[in-house]
């Protein structure tokens, strides 16, 4: 996977029980539709909870993270599937 580490704009749904699901995001002037969330996990950065999502558009796998304190999304990594 290639490390990116850039802030991105994300459209997400927030459901019961603090369920977060990325729906689409904008990166390098492209809007990428999330076809599937393949894996999700949480970790802590100090006292801040970070939510991580491995998502795919059907061709590429992206790792997105959501910072619960700053409310910012970051595109952490990208892996093109061959």
N, C-alpha and C. Protein backbone atom coordinates (compact mmCIF):
# COMPACT_ATOMS: atom_id res chain seq x y z
N UNK A 1 0.84 -1.19 0.00
CA UNK A 1 0.00 0.00 0.00
C UNK A 1 0.88 1.24 0.00
N UNK A 2 0.42 2.23 -0.70
CA UNK A 2 1.14 3.50 -0.76
C UNK A 2 0.58 4.46 0.29
N UNK A 3 1.46 5.02 1.12
CA UNK A 3 1.04 5.97 2.14
C UNK A 3 0.68 7.30 1.47
N UNK A 4 -0.47 7.88 1.84
CA UNK A 4 -0.93 9.16 1.28
C UNK A 4 -0.95 10.24 2.37
N UNK A 5 -1.73 10.03 3.44
CA UNK A 5 -1.77 10.95 4.57
C UNK A 5 -2.34 12.32 4.26
N UNK A 6 -3.38 12.38 3.43
CA UNK A 6 -4.00 13.66 3.06
C UNK A 6 -5.41 13.77 3.62
N UNK A 7 -5.78 14.98 4.04
CA UNK A 7 -7.17 15.22 4.46
C UNK A 7 -8.07 15.12 3.24
N UNK A 8 -9.24 14.52 3.45
CA UNK A 8 -10.21 14.41 2.37
C UNK A 8 -11.60 14.74 2.91
N UNK A 9 -12.48 15.11 2.00
CA UNK A 9 -13.88 15.33 2.34
C UNK A 9 -14.61 14.02 2.15
N UNK A 10 -15.40 13.62 3.14
CA UNK A 10 -16.09 12.33 3.10
C UNK A 10 -17.57 12.53 3.37
N UNK A 11 -18.40 11.86 2.59
CA UNK A 11 -19.83 11.77 2.89
C UNK A 11 -20.00 10.43 3.58
N UNK A 12 -20.56 10.46 4.79
CA UNK A 12 -20.71 9.23 5.57
C UNK A 12 -22.08 9.20 6.23
N UNK A 13 -22.53 7.99 6.52
CA UNK A 13 -23.75 7.85 7.30
C UNK A 13 -23.36 7.50 8.73
N UNK A 14 -24.09 8.07 9.67
CA UNK A 14 -23.86 7.83 11.08
C UNK A 14 -25.12 7.20 11.63
N UNK A 15 -25.02 5.94 12.05
CA UNK A 15 -26.19 5.21 12.52
C UNK A 15 -26.18 4.98 14.01
N UNK A 16 -27.12 4.19 14.46
CA UNK A 16 -27.26 3.87 15.88
C UNK A 16 -26.00 3.17 16.39
N UNK A 17 -25.68 3.42 17.64
CA UNK A 17 -24.51 2.78 18.24
C UNK A 17 -23.20 3.31 17.70
N UNK A 18 -23.20 4.55 17.25
CA UNK A 18 -21.99 5.20 16.71
C UNK A 18 -21.45 4.47 15.49
N UNK A 19 -22.33 3.86 14.69
CA UNK A 19 -21.91 3.19 13.48
C UNK A 19 -21.65 4.24 12.40
N UNK A 20 -20.44 4.24 11.89
CA UNK A 20 -20.04 5.18 10.85
C UNK A 20 -19.78 4.37 9.58
N UNK A 21 -20.30 4.87 8.45
CA UNK A 21 -20.07 4.18 7.18
C UNK A 21 -19.76 5.21 6.10
N UNK A 22 -18.51 5.23 5.60
CA UNK A 22 -18.19 6.12 4.49
C UNK A 22 -18.98 5.72 3.25
N UNK A 23 -19.54 6.71 2.56
CA UNK A 23 -20.34 6.47 1.36
C UNK A 23 -19.59 6.89 0.10
N UNK A 24 -18.92 8.04 0.18
CA UNK A 24 -18.10 8.54 -0.93
C UNK A 24 -17.13 9.56 -0.38
N UNK A 25 -16.05 9.81 -1.11
CA UNK A 25 -15.08 10.83 -0.68
C UNK A 25 -14.44 11.50 -1.89
N UNK A 26 -13.89 12.68 -1.64
CA UNK A 26 -13.27 13.46 -2.71
C UNK A 26 -11.77 13.50 -2.48
N UNK A 27 -11.04 13.06 -3.50
CA UNK A 27 -9.57 13.05 -3.45
C UNK A 27 -9.05 13.46 -4.82
N UNK A 28 -8.13 14.39 -4.85
CA UNK A 28 -7.53 14.93 -6.07
C UNK A 28 -8.59 15.29 -7.11
N UNK A 29 -9.59 16.03 -6.67
CA UNK A 29 -10.68 16.52 -7.53
C UNK A 29 -11.55 15.42 -8.11
N UNK A 30 -11.40 14.19 -7.61
CA UNK A 30 -12.26 13.08 -8.05
C UNK A 30 -13.18 12.68 -6.91
N UNK A 31 -14.40 12.34 -7.22
CA UNK A 31 -15.32 11.80 -6.23
C UNK A 31 -15.29 10.28 -6.39
N UNK A 32 -14.96 9.58 -5.30
CA UNK A 32 -14.83 8.13 -5.32
C UNK A 32 -15.99 7.54 -4.53
N UNK A 33 -16.81 6.74 -5.20
CA UNK A 33 -17.93 6.08 -4.54
C UNK A 33 -17.44 4.82 -3.84
N UNK A 34 -17.82 4.66 -2.58
CA UNK A 34 -17.44 3.48 -1.81
C UNK A 34 -18.43 2.37 -2.15
N UNK A 35 -17.92 1.33 -2.77
CA UNK A 35 -18.74 0.17 -3.12
C UNK A 35 -18.94 -0.74 -1.91
N UNK A 36 -17.88 -0.86 -1.08
CA UNK A 36 -17.93 -1.77 0.07
C UNK A 36 -16.93 -1.35 1.13
N UNK A 37 -17.33 -1.45 2.38
CA UNK A 37 -16.40 -1.33 3.51
C UNK A 37 -15.94 -2.75 3.79
N UNK A 38 -14.66 -3.03 3.52
CA UNK A 38 -14.17 -4.40 3.65
C UNK A 38 -13.70 -4.73 5.07
N UNK A 39 -13.34 -3.71 5.84
CA UNK A 39 -12.86 -3.93 7.20
C UNK A 39 -12.89 -2.60 7.93
N UNK A 40 -13.15 -2.64 9.23
CA UNK A 40 -13.09 -1.41 10.04
C UNK A 40 -12.55 -1.76 11.42
N UNK A 41 -11.88 -0.80 12.03
CA UNK A 41 -11.29 -0.99 13.35
C UNK A 41 -11.11 0.37 14.01
N UNK A 42 -10.85 0.36 15.31
CA UNK A 42 -10.60 1.60 16.04
C UNK A 42 -9.28 1.47 16.78
N UNK A 43 -8.69 2.63 17.06
CA UNK A 43 -7.55 2.69 17.96
C UNK A 43 -7.54 4.05 18.64
N UNK A 44 -6.62 4.23 19.53
CA UNK A 44 -6.53 5.47 20.30
C UNK A 44 -5.24 6.20 19.95
N UNK A 45 -5.35 7.53 19.84
CA UNK A 45 -4.18 8.39 19.70
C UNK A 45 -4.25 9.32 20.91
N UNK A 46 -3.53 8.97 21.98
CA UNK A 46 -3.71 9.66 23.24
C UNK A 46 -5.10 9.33 23.77
N UNK A 47 -5.89 10.38 24.02
CA UNK A 47 -7.26 10.14 24.50
C UNK A 47 -8.30 10.24 23.38
N UNK A 48 -7.82 10.36 22.13
CA UNK A 48 -8.72 10.51 20.98
C UNK A 48 -8.94 9.19 20.28
N UNK A 49 -10.20 8.86 20.04
CA UNK A 49 -10.53 7.63 19.33
C UNK A 49 -10.47 7.87 17.82
N UNK A 50 -9.76 6.99 17.13
CA UNK A 50 -9.67 7.03 15.68
C UNK A 50 -10.41 5.84 15.10
N UNK A 51 -11.22 6.11 14.10
CA UNK A 51 -11.97 5.07 13.39
C UNK A 51 -11.29 4.86 12.04
N UNK A 52 -10.99 3.62 11.71
CA UNK A 52 -10.32 3.29 10.44
C UNK A 52 -11.24 2.43 9.59
N UNK A 53 -11.17 2.66 8.28
CA UNK A 53 -12.02 1.93 7.34
C UNK A 53 -11.19 1.54 6.12
N UNK A 54 -11.21 0.26 5.78
CA UNK A 54 -10.68 -0.20 4.50
C UNK A 54 -11.89 -0.27 3.58
N UNK A 55 -11.84 0.50 2.50
CA UNK A 55 -12.97 0.58 1.58
C UNK A 55 -12.49 0.34 0.16
N UNK A 56 -13.41 -0.04 -0.72
CA UNK A 56 -13.06 -0.24 -2.12
C UNK A 56 -14.12 0.37 -3.03
N UNK A 57 -13.65 0.80 -4.18
CA UNK A 57 -14.56 1.25 -5.24
C UNK A 57 -14.72 0.17 -6.29
N UNK A 58 -14.19 -1.02 -6.02
CA UNK A 58 -14.24 -2.14 -6.95
C UNK A 58 -12.94 -2.36 -7.68
N UNK A 59 -12.07 -1.35 -7.71
CA UNK A 59 -10.78 -1.45 -8.39
C UNK A 59 -9.61 -1.18 -7.45
N UNK A 60 -9.82 -0.32 -6.47
CA UNK A 60 -8.76 0.15 -5.59
C UNK A 60 -9.21 0.02 -4.15
N UNK A 61 -8.26 -0.28 -3.25
CA UNK A 61 -8.53 -0.32 -1.82
C UNK A 61 -7.96 0.94 -1.20
N UNK A 62 -8.77 1.60 -0.38
CA UNK A 62 -8.37 2.83 0.30
C UNK A 62 -8.50 2.62 1.80
N UNK A 63 -7.59 3.22 2.56
CA UNK A 63 -7.74 3.24 4.01
C UNK A 63 -8.06 4.68 4.42
N UNK A 64 -9.24 4.85 5.01
CA UNK A 64 -9.67 6.15 5.52
C UNK A 64 -9.65 6.11 7.03
N UNK A 65 -9.35 7.25 7.66
CA UNK A 65 -9.46 7.34 9.11
C UNK A 65 -10.28 8.58 9.47
N UNK A 66 -11.02 8.46 10.58
CA UNK A 66 -11.85 9.54 11.09
C UNK A 66 -11.43 9.82 12.53
N UNK A 67 -11.04 11.07 12.80
CA UNK A 67 -10.62 11.50 14.12
C UNK A 67 -11.85 12.02 14.87
N UNK A 68 -12.21 11.37 15.97
CA UNK A 68 -13.44 11.72 16.68
C UNK A 68 -13.34 13.06 17.42
N UNK A 69 -12.15 13.57 17.65
CA UNK A 69 -11.99 14.87 18.31
C UNK A 69 -12.04 16.01 17.30
N UNK A 70 -11.22 15.93 16.26
CA UNK A 70 -11.15 17.01 15.27
C UNK A 70 -12.26 16.90 14.23
N UNK A 71 -12.89 15.71 14.14
CA UNK A 71 -13.94 15.43 13.15
C UNK A 71 -13.40 15.50 11.71
N UNK A 72 -12.12 15.23 11.53
CA UNK A 72 -11.49 15.26 10.22
C UNK A 72 -11.25 13.85 9.70
N UNK A 73 -11.33 13.71 8.39
CA UNK A 73 -11.06 12.47 7.69
C UNK A 73 -9.70 12.57 7.00
N UNK A 74 -8.97 11.46 6.98
CA UNK A 74 -7.67 11.39 6.30
C UNK A 74 -7.65 10.14 5.42
N UNK A 75 -7.19 10.32 4.19
CA UNK A 75 -6.91 9.17 3.33
C UNK A 75 -5.50 8.73 3.70
N UNK A 76 -5.41 7.59 4.38
CA UNK A 76 -4.13 7.12 4.89
C UNK A 76 -3.31 6.40 3.82
N UNK A 77 -3.94 5.46 3.13
CA UNK A 77 -3.21 4.61 2.18
C UNK A 77 -4.09 4.25 0.99
N UNK A 78 -3.43 3.87 -0.10
CA UNK A 78 -4.11 3.43 -1.32
C UNK A 78 -3.37 2.22 -1.88
N UNK A 79 -4.14 1.22 -2.31
CA UNK A 79 -3.55 0.06 -2.98
C UNK A 79 -4.40 -0.28 -4.20
N UNK A 80 -3.79 -0.19 -5.37
CA UNK A 80 -4.47 -0.55 -6.60
C UNK A 80 -4.42 -2.06 -6.76
N UNK A 81 -5.58 -2.66 -7.01
CA UNK A 81 -5.66 -4.09 -7.20
C UNK A 81 -5.34 -4.42 -8.65
N UNK A 82 -4.54 -5.42 -8.85
CA UNK A 82 -4.18 -5.81 -10.22
C UNK A 82 -4.99 -6.99 -10.67
